[in-house]
């Protein structure tokens, strides 16, 4: 009969095989996008949807991307950087303060607010599109950066995430600081913010990825071509008269790089923030 060690070896082999297959399935579209960005436009679909490198590798698609329509891609890129940085910064500031307050302060109605927060997380975002659209129209914020940034500045998930992380932080530091005469702002910024650095790193990546890749909301709010972010901006390369696949592939590859760099710079904090924050309750 097969021993316990043999069964474990078989299970490990099966798990590794399944993970490799799933990994290849996830990576296949990205690899095809990279190969397409290095393929001459006339050969992108001439060879079929394969994952092999083209015979004539070219960087001309990237050159065409920079010069396409007077370099409008750079405008889309700048818009995405600005919107992502502004939204992520606002989320980290406001939601961390709110989560910290819900976790470390005791006041009447706190539990009700937490329950209300959980209820808002259960509402699909698409249901809120029309009410938010009407509010922004009433305030004259359509076709502005603020129209894209404001609705995502205080997401309920981020508040709950910081609240869960702060629940496990020691309160003794705050009590000692109050005895020494420190104010609440100083206690938060100088004592608890450094402790929350893993949560900040994790939320920065999650928020940055979400805002950077968002297509629907910028497409609804922004009307002027020069105001578009990358995701809807690349759409103008598609038309009924022929899609510029060389521009689309090259632009898609370039749009992925900032997120990859952001993750590489914060991957340690990202992992720590998810694992540590996930076990606090």
C-alpha atoms as a PDB file:
ATOM      1  CA  UNK A   1       0.000   0.000   0.000  1.00  0.00           C
ATOM      2  CA  UNK A   2       1.114   3.518  -0.707  1.00  0.00           C
ATOM      3  CA  UNK A   3       2.581   5.275   2.283  1.00  0.00           C
ATOM      4  CA  UNK A   4       1.643   8.686   3.660  1.00  0.00           C
ATOM      5  CA  UNK A   5       4.719  10.289   2.109  1.00  0.00           C
ATOM      6  CA  UNK A   6       3.780   8.929  -1.318  1.00  0.00           C
ATOM      7  CA  UNK A   7       0.251  10.333  -1.041  1.00  0.00           C
ATOM      8  CA  UNK A   8       1.615  13.722  -0.065  1.00  0.00           C
ATOM      9  CA  UNK A   9       3.973  13.661  -3.036  1.00  0.00           C
ATOM     10  CA  UNK A  10       1.097  12.875  -5.406  1.00  0.00           C
ATOM     11  CA  UNK A  11      -1.054  15.661  -3.925  1.00  0.00           C
ATOM     12  CA  UNK A  12       1.834  18.108  -4.189  1.00  0.00           C
ATOM     13  CA  UNK A  13       2.362  17.155  -7.845  1.00  0.00           C
ATOM     14  CA  UNK A  14      -1.345  17.546  -8.610  1.00  0.00           C
ATOM     15  CA  UNK A  15      -1.513  20.933  -6.853  1.00  0.00           C
ATOM     16  CA  UNK A  16       1.572  22.161  -8.694  1.00  0.00           C
ATOM     17  CA  UNK A  17       0.164  21.002 -12.036  1.00  0.00           C
ATOM     18  CA  UNK A  18      -3.178  22.701 -11.421  1.00  0.00           C
ATOM     19  CA  UNK A  19      -1.488  25.937 -10.340  1.00  0.00           C
ATOM     20  CA  UNK A  20       0.758  25.904 -13.424  1.00  0.00           C
ATOM     21  CA  UNK A  21      -2.234  25.409 -15.715  1.00  0.00           C
ATOM     22  CA  UNK A  22      -4.166  28.213 -14.020  1.00  0.00           C
ATOM     23  CA  UNK A  23      -1.104  30.463 -14.141  1.00  0.00           C
ATOM     24  CA  UNK A  24      -0.673  29.877 -17.873  1.00  0.00           C
ATOM     25  CA  UNK A  25      -4.359  30.594 -18.459  1.00  0.00           C
ATOM     26  CA  UNK A  26      -4.017  33.898 -16.609  1.00  0.00           C
ATOM     27  CA  UNK A  27      -0.757  34.864 -18.315  1.00  0.00           C
ATOM     28  CA  UNK A  28      -1.778  33.850 -21.837  1.00  0.00           C
ATOM     29  CA  UNK A  29      -3.747  37.048 -22.678  1.00  0.00           C
ATOM     30  CA  UNK A  30      -0.935  39.207 -21.304  1.00  0.00           C
ATOM     31  CA  UNK A  31       1.711  37.290 -23.271  1.00  0.00           C
ATOM     32  CA  UNK A  32      -0.354  37.623 -26.414  1.00  0.00           C
ATOM     33  CA  UNK A  33      -0.639  41.366 -25.783  1.00  0.00           C
ATOM     34  CA  UNK A  34       3.144  41.685 -25.400  1.00  0.00           C
ATOM     35  CA  UNK A  35       3.791  39.625 -28.550  1.00  0.00           C
ATOM     36  CA  UNK A  36       1.222  41.689 -30.456  1.00  0.00           C
ATOM     37  CA  UNK A  37       2.970  44.891 -29.404  1.00  0.00           C
ATOM     38  CA  UNK A  38       6.198  43.574 -30.969  1.00  0.00           C
ATOM     39  CA  UNK A  39       4.567  42.407 -34.199  1.00  0.00           C
ATOM     40  CA  UNK A  40       4.257  44.545 -37.368  1.00  0.00           C
ATOM     41  CA  UNK A  41       0.642  45.738 -37.790  1.00  0.00           C
ATOM     42  CA  UNK A  42       0.066  43.762 -40.994  1.00  0.00           C
ATOM     43  CA  UNK A  43       1.160  40.507 -39.281  1.00  0.00           C
ATOM     44  CA  UNK A  44      -0.735  40.767 -35.990  1.00  0.00           C
ATOM     45  CA  UNK A  45      -3.632  38.578 -37.125  1.00  0.00           C
ATOM     46  CA  UNK A  46      -2.056  37.123 -40.250  1.00  0.00           C
ATOM     47  CA  UNK A  47      -0.371  34.380 -38.212  1.00  0.00           C
ATOM     48  CA  UNK A  48      -3.476  33.530 -36.189  1.00  0.00           C
ATOM     49  CA  UNK A  49      -3.917  33.864 -32.445  1.00  0.00           C
ATOM     50  CA  UNK A  50      -0.661  32.206 -31.475  1.00  0.00           C
ATOM     51  CA  UNK A  51       1.785  32.847 -28.643  1.00  0.00           C
ATOM     52  CA  UNK A  52       4.940  32.486 -30.725  1.00  0.00           C
ATOM     53  CA  UNK A  53       7.227  35.428 -31.398  1.00  0.00           C
ATOM     54  CA  UNK A  54       6.946  37.061 -34.822  1.00  0.00           C
ATOM     55  CA  UNK A  55       9.634  36.562 -37.423  1.00  0.00           C
ATOM     56  CA  UNK A  56      10.228  40.320 -37.613  1.00  0.00           C
ATOM     57  CA  UNK A  57      10.250  41.733 -34.092  1.00  0.00           C
ATOM     58  CA  UNK A  58       9.729  45.499 -34.169  1.00  0.00           C
ATOM     59  CA  UNK A  59       9.462  48.397 -31.751  1.00  0.00           C
ATOM     60  CA  UNK A  60       7.652  50.461 -34.337  1.00  0.00           C
ATOM     61  CA  UNK A  61       4.339  49.985 -32.551  1.00  0.00           C
ATOM     62  CA  UNK A  62       5.692  51.833 -29.521  1.00  0.00           C
ATOM     63  CA  UNK A  63       7.101  54.576 -31.728  1.00  0.00           C
ATOM     64  CA  UNK A  64       3.685  54.904 -33.365  1.00  0.00           C
ATOM     65  CA  UNK A  65       2.132  55.058 -29.924  1.00  0.00           C
ATOM     66  CA  UNK A  66       4.197  58.069 -28.879  1.00  0.00           C
ATOM     67  CA  UNK A  67       3.508  59.946 -32.109  1.00  0.00           C
ATOM     68  CA  UNK A  68      -0.125  58.892 -32.560  1.00  0.00           C
ATOM     69  CA  UNK A  69      -2.367  61.973 -32.929  1.00  0.00           C
ATOM     70  CA  UNK A  70       0.308  64.384 -31.720  1.00  0.00           C
ATOM     71  CA  UNK A  71       1.262  62.223 -28.761  1.00  0.00           C
ATOM     72  CA  UNK A  72      -2.179  62.133 -27.179  1.00  0.00           C
ATOM     73  CA  UNK A  73      -1.238  58.892 -25.429  1.00  0.00           C
ATOM     74  CA  UNK A  74       1.029  60.890 -23.134  1.00  0.00           C
ATOM     75  CA  UNK A  75      -1.972  63.050 -22.225  1.00  0.00           C
ATOM     76  CA  UNK A  76      -3.985  59.960 -21.354  1.00  0.00           C
ATOM     77  CA  UNK A  77      -1.046  58.664 -19.322  1.00  0.00           C
ATOM     78  CA  UNK A  78      -0.708  61.932 -17.387  1.00  0.00           C
ATOM     79  CA  UNK A  79      -4.454  62.016 -16.717  1.00  0.00           C
ATOM     80  CA  UNK A  80      -4.353  58.475 -15.315  1.00  0.00           C
ATOM     81  CA  UNK A  81      -1.345  59.261 -13.142  1.00  0.00           C
ATOM     82  CA  UNK A  82      -3.003  62.382 -11.734  1.00  0.00           C
ATOM     83  CA  UNK A  83      -6.398  60.779 -11.088  1.00  0.00           C
ATOM     84  CA  UNK A  84      -4.845  57.645  -9.565  1.00  0.00           C
ATOM     85  CA  UNK A  85      -2.442  59.573  -7.330  1.00  0.00           C
ATOM     86  CA  UNK A  86      -5.108  62.019  -6.138  1.00  0.00           C
ATOM     87  CA  UNK A  87      -7.714  59.331  -5.461  1.00  0.00           C
ATOM     88  CA  UNK A  88      -5.276  56.985  -3.739  1.00  0.00           C
ATOM     89  CA  UNK A  89      -3.915  59.767  -1.525  1.00  0.00           C
ATOM     90  CA  UNK A  90      -7.430  60.841  -0.516  1.00  0.00           C
ATOM     91  CA  UNK A  91      -8.458  57.248   0.206  1.00  0.00           C
ATOM     92  CA  UNK A  92      -5.421  56.601   2.404  1.00  0.00           C
ATOM     93  CA  UNK A  93      -5.927  59.793   4.399  1.00  0.00           C
ATOM     94  CA  UNK A  94      -9.683  59.814   4.961  1.00  0.00           C
ATOM     95  CA  UNK A  95     -10.387  56.094   5.293  1.00  0.00           C
ATOM     96  CA  UNK A  96      -7.457  55.463   7.649  1.00  0.00           C
ATOM     97  CA  UNK A  97      -8.641  58.253   9.937  1.00  0.00           C
ATOM     98  CA  UNK A  98     -12.213  56.922   9.873  1.00  0.00           C
ATOM     99  CA  UNK A  99     -11.177  53.322  10.439  1.00  0.00           C
ATOM    100  CA  UNK A 100      -8.873  54.382  13.253  1.00  0.00           C
ATOM    101  CA  UNK A 101     -11.691  56.283  14.933  1.00  0.00           C
ATOM    102  CA  UNK A 102     -14.141  53.380  14.640  1.00  0.00           C
ATOM    103  CA  UNK A 103     -11.592  50.964  16.091  1.00  0.00           C
ATOM    104  CA  UNK A 104      -9.920  52.864  18.936  1.00  0.00           C
ATOM    105  CA  UNK A 105     -12.608  55.287  20.140  1.00  0.00           C
ATOM    106  CA  UNK A 106     -15.653  54.278  22.136  1.00  0.00           C
ATOM    107  CA  UNK A 107     -18.773  56.381  21.540  1.00  0.00           C
ATOM    108  CA  UNK A 108     -22.510  55.947  21.307  1.00  0.00           C
ATOM    109  CA  UNK A 109     -23.648  54.566  17.968  1.00  0.00           C
ATOM    110  CA  UNK A 110     -20.265  53.122  16.969  1.00  0.00           C
ATOM    111  CA  UNK A 111     -21.603  49.595  16.437  1.00  0.00           C
ATOM    112  CA  UNK A 112     -24.487  50.964  14.392  1.00  0.00           C
ATOM    113  CA  UNK A 113     -22.039  52.810  12.160  1.00  0.00           C
ATOM    114  CA  UNK A 114     -20.019  49.638  11.630  1.00  0.00           C
ATOM    115  CA  UNK A 115     -23.177  47.715  10.685  1.00  0.00           C
ATOM    116  CA  UNK A 116     -24.214  50.535   8.355  1.00  0.00           C
ATOM    117  CA  UNK A 117     -20.749  50.408   6.804  1.00  0.00           C
ATOM    118  CA  UNK A 118     -21.101  46.688   6.163  1.00  0.00           C
ATOM    119  CA  UNK A 119     -24.523  47.267   4.594  1.00  0.00           C
ATOM    120  CA  UNK A 120     -23.106  49.812   2.150  1.00  0.00           C
ATOM    121  CA  UNK A 121     -20.475  47.278   1.083  1.00  0.00           C
ATOM    122  CA  UNK A 122     -23.275  44.933  -0.009  1.00  0.00           C
ATOM    123  CA  UNK A 123     -24.766  47.458  -2.455  1.00  0.00           C
ATOM    124  CA  UNK A 124     -23.535  46.858  -6.045  1.00  0.00           C
ATOM    125  CA  UNK A 125     -21.640  49.846  -7.397  1.00  0.00           C
ATOM    126  CA  UNK A 126     -23.601  49.875 -10.650  1.00  0.00           C
ATOM    127  CA  UNK A 127     -26.787  50.737  -8.729  1.00  0.00           C
ATOM    128  CA  UNK A 128     -25.160  53.957  -7.551  1.00  0.00           C
ATOM    129  CA  UNK A 129     -24.054  55.124 -11.005  1.00  0.00           C
ATOM    130  CA  UNK A 130     -27.231  57.054 -11.787  1.00  0.00           C
ATOM    131  CA  UNK A 131     -27.575  58.839  -8.396  1.00  0.00           C
ATOM    132  CA  UNK A 132     -23.905  59.837  -8.433  1.00  0.00           C
ATOM    133  CA  UNK A 133     -24.191  60.950 -12.054  1.00  0.00           C
ATOM    134  CA  UNK A 134     -27.150  63.216 -11.205  1.00  0.00           C
ATOM    135  CA  UNK A 135     -25.338  64.669  -8.187  1.00  0.00           C
ATOM    136  CA  UNK A 136     -22.235  65.486 -10.209  1.00  0.00           C
ATOM    137  CA  UNK A 137     -24.373  67.042 -12.945  1.00  0.00           C
ATOM    138  CA  UNK A 138     -26.151  69.209 -10.369  1.00  0.00           C
ATOM    139  CA  UNK A 139     -22.811  70.432  -9.009  1.00  0.00           C
ATOM    140  CA  UNK A 140     -21.373  71.036 -12.487  1.00  0.00           C
ATOM    141  CA  UNK A 141     -18.566  68.492 -12.095  1.00  0.00           C
ATOM    142  CA  UNK A 142     -19.085  66.602 -15.347  1.00  0.00           C
ATOM    143  CA  UNK A 143     -16.050  66.471 -17.643  1.00  0.00           C
ATOM    144  CA  UNK A 144     -13.710  67.409 -14.783  1.00  0.00           C
ATOM    145  CA  UNK A 145     -11.065  65.532 -12.845  1.00  0.00           C
ATOM    146  CA  UNK A 146     -13.039  66.102  -9.648  1.00  0.00           C
ATOM    147  CA  UNK A 147     -15.981  64.283 -11.171  1.00  0.00           C
ATOM    148  CA  UNK A 148     -13.820  61.174 -11.456  1.00  0.00           C
ATOM    149  CA  UNK A 149     -11.995  61.563  -8.139  1.00  0.00           C
ATOM    150  CA  UNK A 150     -14.717  62.561  -5.648  1.00  0.00           C
ATOM    151  CA  UNK A 151     -16.966  59.450  -5.836  1.00  0.00           C
ATOM    152  CA  UNK A 152     -14.041  57.161  -4.993  1.00  0.00           C
ATOM    153  CA  UNK A 153     -12.399  59.146  -2.210  1.00  0.00           C
ATOM    154  CA  UNK A 154     -14.002  57.349   0.760  1.00  0.00           C
ATOM    155  CA  UNK A 155     -14.877  53.748  -0.206  1.00  0.00           C
ATOM    156  CA  UNK A 156     -16.552  51.721   2.518  1.00  0.00           C
ATOM    157  CA  UNK A 157     -14.289  48.726   1.909  1.00  0.00           C
ATOM    158  CA  UNK A 158     -11.188  50.788   2.713  1.00  0.00           C
ATOM    159  CA  UNK A 159     -12.770  52.111   5.923  1.00  0.00           C
ATOM    160  CA  UNK A 160     -13.625  48.577   7.016  1.00  0.00           C
ATOM    161  CA  UNK A 161     -10.140  47.380   6.081  1.00  0.00           C
ATOM    162  CA  UNK A 162      -8.428  50.015   8.235  1.00  0.00           C
ATOM    163  CA  UNK A 163     -10.937  49.464  11.031  1.00  0.00           C
ATOM    164  CA  UNK A 164     -10.140  45.742  11.111  1.00  0.00           C
ATOM    165  CA  UNK A 165      -6.436  46.474  11.084  1.00  0.00           C
ATOM    166  CA  UNK A 166      -6.651  49.043  13.904  1.00  0.00           C
ATOM    167  CA  UNK A 167      -8.798  46.821  16.151  1.00  0.00           C
ATOM    168  CA  UNK A 168      -5.715  44.824  17.087  1.00  0.00           C
ATOM    169  CA  UNK A 169      -3.456  47.816  17.727  1.00  0.00           C
ATOM    170  CA  UNK A 170      -2.600  48.419  21.410  1.00  0.00           C
ATOM    171  CA  UNK A 171      -4.472  51.272  23.099  1.00  0.00           C
ATOM    172  CA  UNK A 172      -1.872  51.669  25.831  1.00  0.00           C
ATOM    173  CA  UNK A 173       0.267  53.909  23.627  1.00  0.00           C
ATOM    174  CA  UNK A 174      -2.592  56.371  23.234  1.00  0.00           C
ATOM    175  CA  UNK A 175      -3.295  56.445  26.970  1.00  0.00           C
ATOM    176  CA  UNK A 176       0.376  57.050  27.752  1.00  0.00           C
ATOM    177  CA  UNK A 177       0.584  59.794  25.156  1.00  0.00           C
ATOM    178  CA  UNK A 178      -2.515  61.515  26.564  1.00  0.00           C
ATOM    179  CA  UNK A 179      -0.957  61.466  30.034  1.00  0.00           C
ATOM    180  CA  UNK A 180       2.118  63.166  28.553  1.00  0.00           C
ATOM    181  CA  UNK A 181      -0.122  65.858  27.071  1.00  0.00           C
ATOM    182  CA  UNK A 182      -0.161  64.784  23.422  1.00  0.00           C
ATOM    183  CA  UNK A 183      -3.194  65.767  21.362  1.00  0.00           C
ATOM    184  CA  UNK A 184      -5.305  63.336  19.362  1.00  0.00           C
ATOM    185  CA  UNK A 185      -3.848  64.464  16.048  1.00  0.00           C
ATOM    186  CA  UNK A 186      -0.317  63.903  17.269  1.00  0.00           C
ATOM    187  CA  UNK A 187      -1.230  60.506  18.705  1.00  0.00           C
ATOM    188  CA  UNK A 188      -2.622  59.420  15.359  1.00  0.00           C
ATOM    189  CA  UNK A 189       0.101  60.813  13.103  1.00  0.00           C
ATOM    190  CA  UNK A 190       3.177  60.030  15.211  1.00  0.00           C
ATOM    191  CA  UNK A 191       2.194  56.832  16.995  1.00  0.00           C
ATOM    192  CA  UNK A 192      -0.414  54.917  15.031  1.00  0.00           C
ATOM    193  CA  UNK A 193       0.332  55.899  11.443  1.00  0.00           C
ATOM    194  CA  UNK A 194       3.758  54.148  11.557  1.00  0.00           C
ATOM    195  CA  UNK A 195       2.054  51.040  12.988  1.00  0.00           C
ATOM    196  CA  UNK A 196      -0.438  51.116  10.112  1.00  0.00           C
ATOM    197  CA  UNK A 197       2.227  51.194   7.375  1.00  0.00           C
ATOM    198  CA  UNK A 198       1.437  47.616   6.180  1.00  0.00           C
ATOM    199  CA  UNK A 199      -2.229  48.553   5.837  1.00  0.00           C
ATOM    200  CA  UNK A 200      -1.284  51.722   3.946  1.00  0.00           C
ATOM    201  CA  UNK A 201       0.886  49.720   1.548  1.00  0.00           C
ATOM    202  CA  UNK A 202      -1.804  47.134   0.862  1.00  0.00           C
ATOM    203  CA  UNK A 203      -4.564  49.701   0.379  1.00  0.00           C
ATOM    204  CA  UNK A 204      -2.342  51.863  -1.849  1.00  0.00           C
ATOM    205  CA  UNK A 205      -1.890  48.948  -4.250  1.00  0.00           C
ATOM    206  CA  UNK A 206      -5.545  47.883  -4.179  1.00  0.00           C
ATOM    207  CA  UNK A 207      -6.839  51.417  -4.695  1.00  0.00           C
ATOM    208  CA  UNK A 208      -4.212  52.312  -7.276  1.00  0.00           C
ATOM    209  CA  UNK A 209      -4.981  49.233  -9.352  1.00  0.00           C
ATOM    210  CA  UNK A 210      -8.706  49.852  -9.185  1.00  0.00           C
ATOM    211  CA  UNK A 211      -8.518  53.515 -10.198  1.00  0.00           C
ATOM    212  CA  UNK A 212      -5.845  52.985 -12.863  1.00  0.00           C
ATOM    213  CA  UNK A 213      -7.824  50.228 -14.581  1.00  0.00           C
ATOM    214  CA  UNK A 214     -11.246  51.851 -14.186  1.00  0.00           C
ATOM    215  CA  UNK A 215     -12.981  52.194 -17.524  1.00  0.00           C
ATOM    216  CA  UNK A 216     -16.695  52.726 -16.933  1.00  0.00           C
ATOM    217  CA  UNK A 217     -16.794  55.752 -14.630  1.00  0.00           C
ATOM    218  CA  UNK A 218     -14.215  57.911 -16.492  1.00  0.00           C
ATOM    219  CA  UNK A 219     -16.010  57.018 -19.715  1.00  0.00           C
ATOM    220  CA  UNK A 220     -19.293  58.313 -18.247  1.00  0.00           C
ATOM    221  CA  UNK A 221     -17.943  61.501 -16.679  1.00  0.00           C
ATOM    222  CA  UNK A 222     -15.291  62.665 -19.141  1.00  0.00           C
ATOM    223  CA  UNK A 223     -16.413  64.059 -22.500  1.00  0.00           C
ATOM    224  CA  UNK A 224     -13.342  65.878 -23.843  1.00  0.00           C
ATOM    225  CA  UNK A 225     -10.732  63.687 -25.542  1.00  0.00           C
ATOM    226  CA  UNK A 226      -7.806  65.381 -23.810  1.00  0.00           C
ATOM    227  CA  UNK A 227      -9.405  64.711 -20.420  1.00  0.00           C
ATOM    228  CA  UNK A 228      -9.664  60.926 -20.877  1.00  0.00           C
ATOM    229  CA  UNK A 229      -7.649  58.481 -18.816  1.00  0.00           C
ATOM    230  CA  UNK A 230      -5.805  55.524 -20.313  1.00  0.00           C
ATOM    231  CA  UNK A 231      -8.531  52.870 -20.230  1.00  0.00           C
ATOM    232  CA  UNK A 232     -11.183  54.858 -22.141  1.00  0.00           C
ATOM    233  CA  UNK A 233      -8.505  56.768 -24.052  1.00  0.00           C
ATOM    234  CA  UNK A 234      -7.300  53.639 -25.820  1.00  0.00           C
ATOM    235  CA  UNK A 235     -10.856  53.152 -27.049  1.00  0.00           C
ATOM    236  CA  UNK A 236     -10.433  55.958 -29.592  1.00  0.00           C
ATOM    237  CA  UNK A 237      -7.983  53.682 -31.428  1.00  0.00           C
ATOM    238  CA  UNK A 238     -10.939  51.443 -32.252  1.00  0.00           C
ATOM    239  CA  UNK A 239     -13.375  52.460 -34.948  1.00  0.00           C
ATOM    240  CA  UNK A 240     -15.811  50.855 -37.422  1.00  0.00           C
ATOM    241  CA  UNK A 241     -13.320  51.584 -40.203  1.00  0.00           C
ATOM    242  CA  UNK A 242     -10.452  49.589 -38.752  1.00  0.00           C
ATOM    243  CA  UNK A 243      -8.882  49.194 -35.347  1.00  0.00           C
ATOM    244  CA  UNK A 244      -5.303  50.337 -34.732  1.00  0.00           C
ATOM    245  CA  UNK A 245      -4.260  47.124 -33.028  1.00  0.00           C
ATOM    246  CA  UNK A 246      -0.608  48.116 -33.019  1.00  0.00           C
ATOM    247  CA  UNK A 247      -1.490  51.192 -30.921  1.00  0.00           C
ATOM    248  CA  UNK A 248      -3.886  49.233 -28.709  1.00  0.00           C
ATOM    249  CA  UNK A 249      -1.394  46.454 -27.941  1.00  0.00           C
ATOM    250  CA  UNK A 250       1.535  48.796 -27.291  1.00  0.00           C
ATOM    251  CA  UNK A 251      -0.591  51.159 -25.207  1.00  0.00           C
ATOM    252  CA  UNK A 252      -1.995  48.279 -23.160  1.00  0.00           C
ATOM    253  CA  UNK A 253       1.489  46.984 -22.372  1.00  0.00           C
ATOM    254  CA  UNK A 254       2.648  50.444 -21.300  1.00  0.00           C
ATOM    255  CA  UNK A 255      -0.459  50.884 -19.147  1.00  0.00           C
ATOM    256  CA  UNK A 256       0.409  47.741 -17.172  1.00  0.00           C
ATOM    257  CA  UNK A 257       3.953  48.799 -16.282  1.00  0.00           C
ATOM    258  CA  UNK A 258       3.097  51.451 -13.620  1.00  0.00           C
ATOM    259  CA  UNK A 259       0.958  48.956 -11.698  1.00  0.00           C
ATOM    260  CA  UNK A 260       3.724  46.348 -11.858  1.00  0.00           C
ATOM    261  CA  UNK A 261       6.248  48.895 -10.579  1.00  0.00           C
ATOM    262  CA  UNK A 262       3.864  49.971  -7.796  1.00  0.00           C
ATOM    263  CA  UNK A 263       3.436  46.373  -6.681  1.00  0.00           C
ATOM    264  CA  UNK A 264       7.166  45.635  -6.775  1.00  0.00           C
ATOM    265  CA  UNK A 265       7.869  48.682  -4.610  1.00  0.00           C
ATOM    266  CA  UNK A 266       5.152  47.822  -2.066  1.00  0.00           C
ATOM    267  CA  UNK A 267       4.827  44.038  -2.275  1.00  0.00           C
ATOM    268  CA  UNK A 268       6.190  43.462   1.233  1.00  0.00           C
ATOM    269  CA  UNK A 269       3.778  45.967   2.755  1.00  0.00           C
ATOM    270  CA  UNK A 270       0.984  44.563   0.573  1.00  0.00           C
ATOM    271  CA  UNK A 271       1.464  41.015   1.853  1.00  0.00           C
ATOM    272  CA  UNK A 272       1.929  42.125   5.463  1.00  0.00           C
ATOM    273  CA  UNK A 273      -1.135  44.350   5.313  1.00  0.00           C
ATOM    274  CA  UNK A 274      -3.389  41.599   3.985  1.00  0.00           C
ATOM    275  CA  UNK A 275      -2.133  38.860   6.309  1.00  0.00           C
ATOM    276  CA  UNK A 276      -1.893  40.943   9.487  1.00  0.00           C
ATOM    277  CA  UNK A 277      -5.100  42.850   8.842  1.00  0.00           C
ATOM    278  CA  UNK A 278      -6.941  39.674   7.965  1.00  0.00           C
ATOM    279  CA  UNK A 279      -6.416  38.018  11.353  1.00  0.00           C
ATOM    280  CA  UNK A 280      -7.503  40.989  13.432  1.00  0.00           C
ATOM    281  CA  UNK A 281     -11.094  41.051  14.513  1.00  0.00           C
END
